[in-house]
Amino acid sequence: MASELRRTKIQGVFELRSHVFVDARGSFLNAFRAQEEAFISSWGDRAIAQVNISHNKVLGTIRGLHFQAEPNSEAKLVRCLKGRVWDVAVDLRIDSPSFGQWHAVELSPELSNALLVPEGCAHGFQVMQPDSELFYLHSSFWVPEAEKGVRWDDPQLAISWPLSPMEMSDRDRNLPLISDILPLY
């Protein structure tokens, strides 16, 4: 069965809500279907190049906002396997009508949802429950030289994070402002 598709104000960013089948044995969730309309429009015909799992111990941890520069830009499909996170996509495509806008959604196993983030958008999240785990599908391999980011607290973006940041890498804390890295896409 296809996921429920929720469009956002950012072209190519979709929230997918999967149907959970429950019976006496437990539950079953179809977490990914390459034929989904949202996946096709955001991902194109690219293969899944990499799968990552992120375990996050501390409540309030922020990771991001990350992206890979061209020609290694990537789309991501992000799903929370355990706990809860506030998942954020930021449109960095200068010609996009939603350039500089962000969209956030809570991801959790209970909501059985995922966020699809297209190429040209940065991605980050904040941990809303200790010991949260995220599962990512990537359309491109990780290329260290292409790895870029934008600061989580960039005043031009004005992202509403639900909690005070409790844990963050030095790299993420020192990422540039969006105005310092334009134009990108």
N, C-alpha and C. Protein backbone atom coordinates (compact mmCIF):
# COMPACT_ATOMS: atom_id res chain seq x y z
N MET A 1 0.85 -1.18 0.00
CA MET A 1 0.00 0.00 0.00
C MET A 1 0.89 1.24 0.00
N ALA A 2 0.54 2.22 -0.77
CA ALA A 2 1.31 3.45 -0.89
C ALA A 2 1.22 4.28 0.39
N SER A 3 2.25 5.07 0.61
CA SER A 3 2.27 5.98 1.75
C SER A 3 1.34 7.15 1.49
N GLU A 4 0.89 7.79 2.57
CA GLU A 4 0.17 9.05 2.45
C GLU A 4 1.20 10.13 2.19
N LEU A 5 0.99 10.91 1.16
CA LEU A 5 1.94 11.92 0.73
C LEU A 5 1.49 13.29 1.20
N ARG A 6 2.37 13.99 1.92
CA ARG A 6 2.08 15.35 2.37
C ARG A 6 3.09 16.30 1.75
N ARG A 7 2.59 17.16 0.88
CA ARG A 7 3.45 18.16 0.25
C ARG A 7 3.78 19.24 1.29
N THR A 8 4.88 19.93 1.07
CA THR A 8 5.28 21.03 1.94
C THR A 8 5.40 22.29 1.10
N LYS A 9 5.75 23.39 1.73
CA LYS A 9 5.93 24.65 0.99
C LYS A 9 7.21 24.66 0.16
N ILE A 10 8.07 23.65 0.37
CA ILE A 10 9.32 23.56 -0.38
C ILE A 10 9.18 22.50 -1.47
N GLN A 11 9.39 22.90 -2.71
CA GLN A 11 9.26 21.96 -3.83
C GLN A 11 10.22 20.79 -3.64
N GLY A 12 9.69 19.58 -3.74
CA GLY A 12 10.50 18.37 -3.63
C GLY A 12 10.66 17.84 -2.22
N VAL A 13 10.26 18.60 -1.21
CA VAL A 13 10.29 18.11 0.17
C VAL A 13 8.91 17.56 0.49
N PHE A 14 8.87 16.30 0.88
CA PHE A 14 7.61 15.63 1.19
C PHE A 14 7.71 14.91 2.52
N GLU A 15 6.60 14.88 3.24
CA GLU A 15 6.48 13.99 4.39
C GLU A 15 5.69 12.78 3.89
N LEU A 16 6.23 11.61 4.15
CA LEU A 16 5.57 10.36 3.78
C LEU A 16 5.09 9.69 5.06
N ARG A 17 3.82 9.36 5.10
CA ARG A 17 3.26 8.64 6.25
C ARG A 17 2.91 7.23 5.80
N SER A 18 3.59 6.26 6.36
CA SER A 18 3.39 4.86 5.98
C SER A 18 2.27 4.24 6.79
N HIS A 19 1.58 3.31 6.17
CA HIS A 19 0.53 2.57 6.86
C HIS A 19 1.17 1.42 7.63
N VAL A 20 0.77 1.24 8.87
CA VAL A 20 1.28 0.16 9.71
C VAL A 20 0.22 -0.92 9.81
N PHE A 21 0.63 -2.14 9.53
CA PHE A 21 -0.27 -3.29 9.64
C PHE A 21 0.04 -3.99 10.95
N VAL A 22 -0.98 -4.14 11.79
CA VAL A 22 -0.81 -4.74 13.11
C VAL A 22 -1.68 -5.98 13.21
N ASP A 23 -1.10 -7.06 13.75
CA ASP A 23 -1.88 -8.26 14.06
C ASP A 23 -1.26 -8.93 15.28
N ALA A 24 -1.67 -10.14 15.58
CA ALA A 24 -1.22 -10.83 16.79
C ALA A 24 0.29 -11.06 16.80
N ARG A 25 0.92 -11.08 15.65
CA ARG A 25 2.37 -11.31 15.57
C ARG A 25 3.19 -10.07 15.89
N GLY A 26 2.59 -8.90 15.70
CA GLY A 26 3.31 -7.64 15.86
C GLY A 26 2.86 -6.65 14.81
N SER A 27 3.82 -6.01 14.16
CA SER A 27 3.45 -5.02 13.15
C SER A 27 4.38 -5.10 11.94
N PHE A 28 3.92 -4.50 10.85
CA PHE A 28 4.68 -4.45 9.60
C PHE A 28 4.49 -3.07 8.99
N LEU A 29 5.59 -2.49 8.53
CA LEU A 29 5.56 -1.17 7.90
C LEU A 29 6.40 -1.23 6.63
N ASN A 30 5.83 -0.81 5.51
CA ASN A 30 6.59 -0.70 4.27
C ASN A 30 7.28 0.66 4.31
N ALA A 31 8.58 0.67 4.59
CA ALA A 31 9.31 1.92 4.83
C ALA A 31 9.78 2.63 3.57
N PHE A 32 9.78 1.93 2.43
CA PHE A 32 10.31 2.54 1.22
C PHE A 32 9.74 1.85 -0.01
N ARG A 33 9.30 2.65 -0.97
CA ARG A 33 8.84 2.15 -2.28
C ARG A 33 9.36 3.10 -3.35
N ALA A 34 10.18 2.59 -4.24
CA ALA A 34 10.78 3.43 -5.29
C ALA A 34 9.73 3.99 -6.24
N GLN A 35 8.53 3.39 -6.28
CA GLN A 35 7.50 3.85 -7.20
C GLN A 35 6.67 5.01 -6.64
N GLU A 36 6.88 5.39 -5.40
CA GLU A 36 6.10 6.48 -4.80
C GLU A 36 6.29 7.77 -5.61
N GLU A 37 5.22 8.50 -5.82
CA GLU A 37 5.25 9.76 -6.57
C GLU A 37 6.29 10.72 -6.00
N ALA A 38 6.31 10.87 -4.69
CA ALA A 38 7.24 11.81 -4.05
C ALA A 38 8.68 11.37 -4.27
N PHE A 39 8.93 10.09 -4.14
CA PHE A 39 10.29 9.60 -4.32
C PHE A 39 10.76 9.84 -5.75
N ILE A 40 9.92 9.55 -6.71
CA ILE A 40 10.27 9.75 -8.11
C ILE A 40 10.55 11.22 -8.41
N SER A 41 9.71 12.13 -7.92
CA SER A 41 9.88 13.55 -8.23
C SER A 41 11.09 14.16 -7.52
N SER A 42 11.44 13.68 -6.34
CA SER A 42 12.57 14.25 -5.60
C SER A 42 13.89 13.53 -5.88
N TRP A 43 13.82 12.26 -6.19
CA TRP A 43 15.00 11.41 -6.29
C TRP A 43 15.39 11.15 -7.73
N GLY A 44 14.38 11.14 -8.61
CA GLY A 44 14.65 10.82 -10.01
C GLY A 44 14.94 9.34 -10.18
N ASP A 45 15.80 9.03 -11.12
CA ASP A 45 16.10 7.62 -11.39
C ASP A 45 17.42 7.18 -10.78
N ARG A 46 17.93 7.94 -9.84
CA ARG A 46 19.20 7.60 -9.20
C ARG A 46 19.02 6.41 -8.26
N ALA A 47 20.04 5.62 -8.16
CA ALA A 47 20.01 4.47 -7.25
C ALA A 47 20.25 4.94 -5.82
N ILE A 48 19.94 4.09 -4.88
CA ILE A 48 20.31 4.36 -3.48
C ILE A 48 21.80 4.05 -3.38
N ALA A 49 22.58 5.06 -3.04
CA ALA A 49 24.03 4.91 -3.01
C ALA A 49 24.56 4.54 -1.63
N GLN A 50 23.86 4.96 -0.59
CA GLN A 50 24.38 4.77 0.76
C GLN A 50 23.21 4.76 1.74
N VAL A 51 23.35 3.95 2.79
CA VAL A 51 22.37 3.90 3.88
C VAL A 51 23.13 4.16 5.18
N ASN A 52 22.65 5.12 5.97
CA ASN A 52 23.29 5.45 7.25
C ASN A 52 22.30 5.32 8.38
N ILE A 53 22.81 5.02 9.57
CA ILE A 53 22.02 5.02 10.80
C ILE A 53 22.73 5.92 11.79
N SER A 54 21.99 6.83 12.38
CA SER A 54 22.53 7.78 13.35
C SER A 54 21.89 7.52 14.71
N HIS A 55 22.73 7.22 15.72
CA HIS A 55 22.24 7.04 17.09
C HIS A 55 22.59 8.31 17.87
N ASN A 56 21.62 8.83 18.60
CA ASN A 56 21.77 10.11 19.29
C ASN A 56 21.35 9.96 20.74
N LYS A 57 22.33 10.03 21.64
CA LYS A 57 22.10 9.73 23.05
C LYS A 57 21.42 10.85 23.83
N VAL A 58 21.77 12.10 23.51
CA VAL A 58 21.44 13.22 24.39
C VAL A 58 20.24 14.03 23.88
N LEU A 59 19.26 14.25 24.75
CA LEU A 59 18.12 15.11 24.46
C LEU A 59 18.62 16.50 24.07
N GLY A 60 18.07 17.08 23.01
CA GLY A 60 18.46 18.42 22.58
C GLY A 60 19.61 18.47 21.60
N THR A 61 20.25 17.32 21.33
CA THR A 61 21.34 17.28 20.36
C THR A 61 20.87 17.81 19.01
N ILE A 62 21.70 18.64 18.38
CA ILE A 62 21.43 19.11 17.01
C ILE A 62 22.53 18.59 16.11
N ARG A 63 22.13 18.03 14.97
CA ARG A 63 23.06 17.64 13.90
C ARG A 63 22.62 18.40 12.65
N GLY A 64 23.57 19.07 12.02
CA GLY A 64 23.24 19.79 10.79
C GLY A 64 23.47 21.28 10.96
N LEU A 65 23.17 21.91 9.92
CA LEU A 65 22.40 21.59 8.72
C LEU A 65 23.39 21.22 7.61
N HIS A 66 23.31 20.01 7.08
CA HIS A 66 24.30 19.48 6.17
C HIS A 66 23.76 19.32 4.75
N PHE A 67 24.68 19.39 3.79
CA PHE A 67 24.39 19.07 2.39
C PHE A 67 25.71 18.77 1.71
N GLN A 68 25.65 18.21 0.51
CA GLN A 68 26.84 18.00 -0.30
C GLN A 68 26.75 18.90 -1.53
N ALA A 69 27.86 19.56 -1.84
CA ALA A 69 27.92 20.46 -2.99
C ALA A 69 27.97 19.67 -4.29
N GLU A 70 27.51 20.33 -5.36
CA GLU A 70 27.58 19.72 -6.70
C GLU A 70 29.04 19.46 -7.06
N PRO A 71 29.37 18.45 -7.78
CA PRO A 71 28.48 17.51 -8.46
C PRO A 71 28.07 16.32 -7.59
N ASN A 72 28.30 16.40 -6.30
CA ASN A 72 28.00 15.30 -5.39
C ASN A 72 26.75 15.54 -4.56
N SER A 73 25.90 16.48 -4.99
CA SER A 73 24.69 16.76 -4.22
C SER A 73 23.86 15.49 -4.09
N GLU A 74 23.05 15.45 -3.04
CA GLU A 74 22.31 14.22 -2.74
C GLU A 74 20.91 14.51 -2.25
N ALA A 75 20.04 13.57 -2.52
CA ALA A 75 18.71 13.55 -1.91
C ALA A 75 18.79 12.59 -0.72
N LYS A 76 17.89 12.79 0.25
CA LYS A 76 17.86 11.92 1.43
C LYS A 76 16.42 11.56 1.75
N LEU A 77 16.23 10.34 2.21
CA LEU A 77 14.97 9.92 2.81
C LEU A 77 15.31 9.56 4.24
N VAL A 78 14.70 10.26 5.20
CA VAL A 78 15.06 10.14 6.61
C VAL A 78 13.86 9.61 7.39
N ARG A 79 14.09 8.57 8.19
CA ARG A 79 13.04 7.96 9.01
C ARG A 79 13.60 7.73 10.42
N CYS A 80 12.79 8.01 11.43
CA CYS A 80 13.18 7.78 12.82
C CYS A 80 12.75 6.36 13.22
N LEU A 81 13.72 5.55 13.64
CA LEU A 81 13.45 4.17 14.03
C LEU A 81 13.16 4.03 15.52
N LYS A 82 13.68 4.98 16.30
CA LYS A 82 13.53 4.91 17.76
C LYS A 82 13.58 6.33 18.30
N GLY A 83 12.69 6.64 19.24
CA GLY A 83 12.68 7.97 19.84
C GLY A 83 11.87 8.97 19.02
N ARG A 84 12.28 10.25 19.09
CA ARG A 84 11.60 11.33 18.37
C ARG A 84 12.63 12.38 17.99
N VAL A 85 12.49 12.94 16.79
CA VAL A 85 13.36 14.04 16.36
C VAL A 85 12.53 15.10 15.66
N TRP A 86 13.06 16.33 15.67
CA TRP A 86 12.51 17.46 14.92
C TRP A 86 13.39 17.54 13.68
N ASP A 87 12.86 17.16 12.53
CA ASP A 87 13.64 17.03 11.30
C ASP A 87 13.40 18.24 10.41
N VAL A 88 14.49 18.83 9.89
CA VAL A 88 14.41 20.11 9.19
C VAL A 88 15.07 20.02 7.81
N ALA A 89 14.39 20.56 6.81
CA ALA A 89 14.95 20.74 5.46
C ALA A 89 14.95 22.23 5.15
N VAL A 90 16.05 22.71 4.56
CA VAL A 90 16.19 24.12 4.18
C VAL A 90 16.49 24.20 2.69
N ASP A 91 15.72 24.98 1.96
CA ASP A 91 15.89 25.13 0.52
C ASP A 91 17.05 26.08 0.24
N LEU A 92 18.11 25.56 -0.39
CA LEU A 92 19.29 26.37 -0.75
C LEU A 92 19.38 26.63 -2.25
N ARG A 93 18.35 26.27 -2.99
CA ARG A 93 18.34 26.45 -4.45
C ARG A 93 17.95 27.89 -4.76
N ILE A 94 18.91 28.67 -5.21
CA ILE A 94 18.74 30.11 -5.37
C ILE A 94 17.61 30.48 -6.33
N ASP A 95 17.31 29.63 -7.31
CA ASP A 95 16.23 29.91 -8.26
C ASP A 95 14.88 29.36 -7.81
N SER A 96 14.83 28.77 -6.65
CA SER A 96 13.59 28.18 -6.15
C SER A 96 12.69 29.26 -5.54
N PRO A 97 11.38 29.17 -5.74
CA PRO A 97 10.47 30.13 -5.10
C PRO A 97 10.50 30.05 -3.57
N SER A 98 10.98 28.92 -3.05
CA SER A 98 11.05 28.77 -1.58
C SER A 98 12.49 28.87 -1.07
N PHE A 99 13.38 29.50 -1.86
CA PHE A 99 14.77 29.66 -1.43
C PHE A 99 14.83 30.30 -0.04
N GLY A 100 15.66 29.72 0.83
CA GLY A 100 15.86 30.26 2.17
C GLY A 100 14.78 29.88 3.16
N GLN A 101 13.75 29.17 2.71
CA GLN A 101 12.69 28.74 3.63
C GLN A 101 13.03 27.36 4.19
N TRP A 102 12.43 27.07 5.33
CA TRP A 102 12.65 25.77 5.96
C TRP A 102 11.31 25.12 6.26
N HIS A 103 11.37 23.81 6.35
CA HIS A 103 10.20 23.02 6.74
C HIS A 103 10.67 22.01 7.78
N ALA A 104 9.89 21.87 8.84
CA ALA A 104 10.24 20.92 9.90
C ALA A 104 9.05 20.03 10.20
N VAL A 105 9.35 18.81 10.61
CA VAL A 105 8.32 17.85 10.99
C VAL A 105 8.90 16.95 12.08
N GLU A 106 8.05 16.56 13.01
CA GLU A 106 8.47 15.58 14.00
C GLU A 106 8.44 14.21 13.34
N LEU A 107 9.53 13.46 13.50
CA LEU A 107 9.59 12.08 13.03
C LEU A 107 9.64 11.15 14.24
N SER A 108 8.89 10.05 14.17
CA SER A 108 8.92 9.05 15.24
C SER A 108 8.35 7.74 14.71
N PRO A 109 8.68 6.62 15.35
CA PRO A 109 8.07 5.35 14.95
C PRO A 109 6.55 5.36 15.12
N GLU A 110 6.07 6.06 16.12
CA GLU A 110 4.62 6.12 16.36
C GLU A 110 3.89 6.84 15.22
N LEU A 111 4.53 7.84 14.64
CA LEU A 111 3.93 8.56 13.52
C LEU A 111 4.15 7.82 12.20
N SER A 112 5.05 6.86 12.20
CA SER A 112 5.41 6.05 11.01
C SER A 112 5.61 6.93 9.78
N ASN A 113 6.38 8.01 9.97
CA ASN A 113 6.59 8.96 8.88
C ASN A 113 8.07 9.09 8.52
N ALA A 114 8.32 9.73 7.39
CA ALA A 114 9.67 9.98 6.90
C ALA A 114 9.67 11.33 6.19
N LEU A 115 10.84 11.94 6.09
CA LEU A 115 10.98 13.19 5.34
C LEU A 115 11.88 12.94 4.14
N LEU A 116 11.40 13.34 2.98
CA LEU A 116 12.15 13.23 1.74
C LEU A 116 12.72 14.60 1.42
N VAL A 117 14.05 14.68 1.35
CA VAL A 117 14.77 15.94 1.15
C VAL A 117 15.50 15.87 -0.19
N PRO A 118 15.17 16.73 -1.15
CA PRO A 118 15.80 16.65 -2.47
C PRO A 118 17.19 17.28 -2.50
N GLU A 119 17.88 17.06 -3.62
CA GLU A 119 19.16 17.74 -3.85
C GLU A 119 18.93 19.25 -3.77
N GLY A 120 19.92 19.97 -3.26
CA GLY A 120 19.81 21.41 -3.18
C GLY A 120 19.22 21.91 -1.88
N CYS A 121 18.91 20.99 -0.99
CA CYS A 121 18.38 21.36 0.33
C CYS A 121 19.33 20.85 1.41
N ALA A 122 19.49 21.65 2.45
CA ALA A 122 20.25 21.21 3.62
C ALA A 122 19.32 20.44 4.54
N HIS A 123 19.90 19.58 5.37
CA HIS A 123 19.11 18.77 6.29
C HIS A 123 19.77 18.78 7.67
N GLY A 124 18.93 18.81 8.70
CA GLY A 124 19.40 18.69 10.06
C GLY A 124 18.27 18.24 10.95
N PHE A 125 18.59 17.95 12.21
CA PHE A 125 17.54 17.53 13.14
C PHE A 125 17.96 17.81 14.57
N GLN A 126 16.94 17.84 15.45
CA GLN A 126 17.17 17.96 16.88
C GLN A 126 16.51 16.78 17.57
N VAL A 127 17.24 16.20 18.52
CA VAL A 127 16.76 15.04 19.27
C VAL A 127 15.75 15.50 20.32
N MET A 128 14.55 14.93 20.25
CA MET A 128 13.48 15.29 21.19
C MET A 128 13.23 14.20 22.23
N GLN A 129 13.98 13.11 22.13
CA GLN A 129 13.89 12.02 23.11
C GLN A 129 15.26 11.35 23.13
N PRO A 130 15.85 11.12 24.32
CA PRO A 130 17.16 10.48 24.38
C PRO A 130 17.16 9.13 23.66
N ASP A 131 18.33 8.77 23.15
CA ASP A 131 18.54 7.49 22.46
C ASP A 131 17.68 7.35 21.21
N SER A 132 17.57 8.41 20.45
CA SER A 132 16.83 8.38 19.18
C SER A 132 17.74 7.87 18.06
N GLU A 133 17.14 7.13 17.13
CA GLU A 133 17.89 6.60 15.99
C GLU A 133 17.21 6.99 14.69
N LEU A 134 18.03 7.44 13.74
CA LEU A 134 17.54 7.78 12.40
C LEU A 134 18.17 6.86 11.37
N PHE A 135 17.38 6.57 10.35
CA PHE A 135 17.77 5.73 9.23
C PHE A 135 17.68 6.60 7.99
N TYR A 136 18.78 6.71 7.23
CA TYR A 136 18.82 7.57 6.05
C TYR A 136 19.11 6.76 4.79
N LEU A 137 18.41 7.05 3.72
CA LEU A 137 18.78 6.59 2.39
C LEU A 137 19.39 7.80 1.68
N HIS A 138 20.51 7.61 0.99
CA HIS A 138 21.20 8.70 0.29
C HIS A 138 21.30 8.37 -1.20
N SER A 139 21.14 9.37 -2.04
CA SER A 139 21.25 9.17 -3.49
C SER A 139 22.69 9.32 -3.99
N SER A 140 23.60 9.71 -3.12
CA SER A 140 25.00 9.88 -3.50
C SER A 140 25.88 9.39 -2.36
N PHE A 141 27.07 8.92 -2.71
CA PHE A 141 28.02 8.52 -1.68
C PHE A 141 28.52 9.76 -0.93
N TRP A 142 28.95 9.56 0.30
CA TRP A 142 29.55 10.64 1.07
C TRP A 142 30.91 10.96 0.46
N VAL A 143 31.13 12.23 0.16
CA VAL A 143 32.39 12.71 -0.40
C VAL A 143 32.87 13.82 0.54
N PRO A 144 33.91 13.55 1.34
CA PRO A 144 34.33 14.53 2.35
C PRO A 144 34.57 15.94 1.80
N GLU A 145 35.15 16.05 0.60
CA GLU A 145 35.45 17.37 0.03
C GLU A 145 34.18 18.12 -0.36
N ALA A 146 33.09 17.39 -0.59
CA ALA A 146 31.82 18.02 -1.00
C ALA A 146 30.93 18.35 0.18
N GLU A 147 31.30 17.88 1.37
CA GLU A 147 30.47 18.08 2.56
C GLU A 147 30.46 19.56 2.96
N LYS A 148 29.26 20.11 3.07
CA LYS A 148 29.07 21.52 3.42
C LYS A 148 27.96 21.63 4.45
N GLY A 149 27.73 22.85 4.91
CA GLY A 149 26.65 23.05 5.86
C GLY A 149 26.36 24.51 6.10
N VAL A 150 25.26 24.73 6.81
CA VAL A 150 24.80 26.05 7.20
C VAL A 150 24.51 26.00 8.69
N ARG A 151 24.80 27.09 9.38
CA ARG A 151 24.60 27.11 10.84
C ARG A 151 23.15 26.92 11.23
N TRP A 152 22.95 26.14 12.27
CA TRP A 152 21.62 25.81 12.80
C TRP A 152 20.89 27.06 13.29
N ASP A 153 21.63 28.07 13.74
CA ASP A 153 21.01 29.27 14.32
C ASP A 153 21.15 30.50 13.42
N ASP A 154 21.27 30.27 12.12
CA ASP A 154 21.40 31.37 11.16
C ASP A 154 20.19 32.30 11.29
N PRO A 155 20.40 33.59 11.60
CA PRO A 155 19.25 34.49 11.78
C PRO A 155 18.44 34.70 10.51
N GLN A 156 19.06 34.56 9.34
CA GLN A 156 18.31 34.70 8.09
C GLN A 156 17.30 33.55 7.93
N LEU A 157 17.65 32.37 8.41
CA LEU A 157 16.74 31.22 8.33
C LEU A 157 15.71 31.25 9.45
N ALA A 158 16.12 31.66 10.64
CA ALA A 158 15.23 31.77 11.81
C ALA A 158 14.43 30.48 12.05
N ILE A 159 15.15 29.36 12.11
CA ILE A 159 14.49 28.07 12.36
C ILE A 159 14.03 28.01 13.80
N SER A 160 12.82 27.54 14.00
CA SER A 160 12.26 27.35 15.35
C SER A 160 12.62 25.95 15.83
N TRP A 161 13.64 25.86 16.66
CA TRP A 161 14.02 24.58 17.26
C TRP A 161 13.22 24.41 18.54
N PRO A 162 12.70 23.22 18.83
CA PRO A 162 11.82 23.05 19.98
C PRO A 162 12.52 23.09 21.33
N LEU A 163 13.84 22.78 21.37
CA LEU A 163 14.57 22.72 22.63
C LEU A 163 15.85 23.55 22.54
N SER A 164 16.39 23.91 23.68
CA SER A 164 17.72 24.52 23.70
C SER A 164 18.72 23.47 23.27
N PRO A 165 19.72 23.85 22.47
CA PRO A 165 20.71 22.85 22.04
C PRO A 165 21.55 22.38 23.22
N MET A 166 21.67 21.07 23.38
CA MET A 166 22.42 20.50 24.50
C MET A 166 23.75 19.90 24.06
N GLU A 167 23.78 19.40 22.85
CA GLU A 167 24.99 18.74 22.34
C GLU A 167 25.09 19.03 20.85
N MET A 168 26.32 19.28 20.40
CA MET A 168 26.54 19.60 18.99
C MET A 168 28.03 19.44 18.72
N SER A 169 28.39 19.01 17.53
CA SER A 169 29.80 18.90 17.18
C SER A 169 30.39 20.30 16.99
N ASP A 170 31.70 20.42 17.17
CA ASP A 170 32.36 21.70 16.91
C ASP A 170 32.17 22.11 15.45
N ARG A 171 32.22 21.13 14.57
CA ARG A 171 32.03 21.42 13.14
C ARG A 171 30.67 22.07 12.90
N ASP A 172 29.61 21.49 13.44
CA ASP A 172 28.27 22.04 13.23
C ASP A 172 28.11 23.41 13.89
N ARG A 173 28.71 23.58 15.05
CA ARG A 173 28.63 24.85 15.77
C ARG A 173 29.28 25.98 14.98
N ASN A 174 30.28 25.63 14.16
CA ASN A 174 31.05 26.64 13.43
C ASN A 174 30.77 26.69 11.93
N LEU A 175 29.67 26.10 11.50
CA LEU A 175 29.30 26.18 10.08
C LEU A 175 29.01 27.64 9.70
N PRO A 176 29.16 27.99 8.43
CA PRO A 176 28.93 29.38 8.01
C PRO A 176 27.44 29.73 7.95
N LEU A 177 27.18 31.02 7.90
CA LEU A 177 25.82 31.51 7.65
C LEU A 177 25.49 31.32 6.17
N ILE A 178 24.22 31.27 5.86
CA ILE A 178 23.80 31.09 4.46
C ILE A 178 24.32 32.24 3.59
N SER A 179 24.37 33.45 4.11
CA SER A 179 24.84 34.60 3.33
C SER A 179 26.33 34.50 2.98
N ASP A 180 27.08 33.69 3.73
CA ASP A 180 28.51 33.54 3.49
C ASP A 180 28.84 32.49 2.44
N ILE A 181 27.85 31.71 2.01
CA ILE A 181 28.15 30.63 1.07
C ILE A 181 27.39 30.74 -0.25
N LEU A 182 26.63 31.80 -0.43
CA LEU A 182 25.85 31.95 -1.67
C LEU A 182 26.73 32.39 -2.82
N PRO A 183 26.36 32.11 -4.05
CA PRO A 183 25.27 31.23 -4.48
C PRO A 183 25.71 29.77 -4.45
N LEU A 184 24.76 28.88 -4.27
CA LEU A 184 25.05 27.45 -4.18
C LEU A 184 24.56 26.68 -5.39
N TYR A 185 23.26 26.71 -5.60
CA TYR A 185 22.65 25.88 -6.65
C TYR A 185 21.99 26.77 -7.68
